[in-house]
Protein backbone atom coordinates (compact mmCIF):
# COMPACT_ATOMS: atom_id res chain seq x y z
CA MET A 1 -0.19 -0.15 0.08
CA ARG A 2 2.84 2.11 0.93
CA GLY A 3 4.48 1.56 -2.59
CA TRP A 4 1.24 2.96 -4.35
CA LEU A 5 0.99 6.09 -2.35
CA ALA A 6 4.81 6.90 -2.94
CA LEU A 7 4.38 6.33 -6.76
CA ALA A 8 0.94 8.61 -7.04
CA LEU A 9 2.67 10.89 -4.84
CA ALA A 10 5.71 11.26 -7.02
CA CYS A 11 3.47 11.26 -10.40
CA CYS A 12 1.61 14.43 -8.99
CA LEU A 13 4.78 16.11 -8.13
CA LEU A 14 6.84 15.15 -10.96
CA PRO A 15 5.12 17.41 -13.41
CA ALA A 16 5.15 20.69 -11.15
CA TRP A 17 8.91 19.84 -10.25
CA ALA A 18 9.52 19.86 -14.25
CA GLN A 19 7.96 22.94 -14.72
CA THR A 20 10.05 25.43 -12.23
CA PRO A 21 12.49 27.30 -14.18
CA PRO A 22 15.95 26.81 -14.36
CA PRO A 23 18.16 29.25 -11.90
CA ALA A 24 19.27 32.20 -13.55
CA GLN A 25 23.02 32.28 -14.36
CA LYS A 26 25.10 34.54 -13.01
CA GLU A 27 27.02 37.39 -15.49
CA SER A 28 30.60 36.83 -15.86
CA LYS A 29 33.14 39.40 -15.32
CA LYS A 30 35.19 38.66 -18.01
CA PRO A 31 34.45 40.25 -21.36
CA ALA A 32 33.80 38.20 -24.07
CA PRO A 33 37.15 37.03 -25.90
CA VAL A 34 37.68 39.09 -29.20
CA LYS A 35 38.08 36.96 -32.24
CA PRO A 36 40.36 37.38 -34.80
CA GLN A 37 39.87 39.57 -37.99
CA LYS A 38 40.16 36.40 -40.53
CA ALA A 39 37.27 34.79 -38.25
CA GLN A 40 34.70 37.88 -38.59
CA LYS A 41 34.48 37.96 -42.53
CA ALA A 42 32.14 35.91 -44.19
CA GLN A 43 33.25 32.37 -45.49
CA LYS A 44 32.29 31.65 -49.16
CA ALA A 45 29.66 28.75 -49.46
CA HIS A 46 31.97 27.38 -52.06
CA ALA A 47 34.49 28.16 -54.85
CA LYS A 48 33.67 28.91 -58.57
CA ALA A 49 33.67 25.93 -60.45
CA THR A 50 36.42 25.28 -62.74
CA PRO A 51 36.08 24.59 -66.62
CA GLU A 52 37.06 20.82 -66.27
CA GLN A 53 33.95 20.42 -63.40
CA ILE A 54 31.64 22.22 -65.84
CA ARG A 55 32.88 20.04 -68.69
CA LYS A 56 32.31 16.78 -66.77
CA PHE A 57 29.10 18.33 -65.07
CA ASN A 58 27.82 18.78 -68.66
CA GLU A 59 28.85 15.15 -69.95
CA LEU A 60 27.14 13.48 -67.04
CA GLN A 61 24.05 15.73 -68.04
CA LYS A 62 24.26 14.71 -71.98
CA LYS A 63 24.12 10.78 -70.49
CA GLN A 64 21.36 11.53 -68.04
CA ASP A 65 19.21 12.77 -71.06
CA ALA A 66 20.27 9.75 -73.40
CA LYS A 67 19.14 7.24 -70.45
CA ARG A 68 15.29 9.23 -70.66
C-alpha cells in the first residue's frame, strides 16, 4: 500500500517539479574574447566551378538525358 502511495505522490509532484524554471545564470565579469580579424569575415559557401568541372557536369547531363 505504501508503494502505491509513493508512486501516486511522485506522479503528482513530477510535472510540477519539471515546470520550475532553471536558476538564473550569473553574469560573468570577464569580457567576451575578441575573435581574430579573419574569423569575422563571412566565408564563401563554395568556390567557383573550374572549366573542367563544368565540362564533366555537362557530359554527365548528356548521359542522363540519353537514358530518358
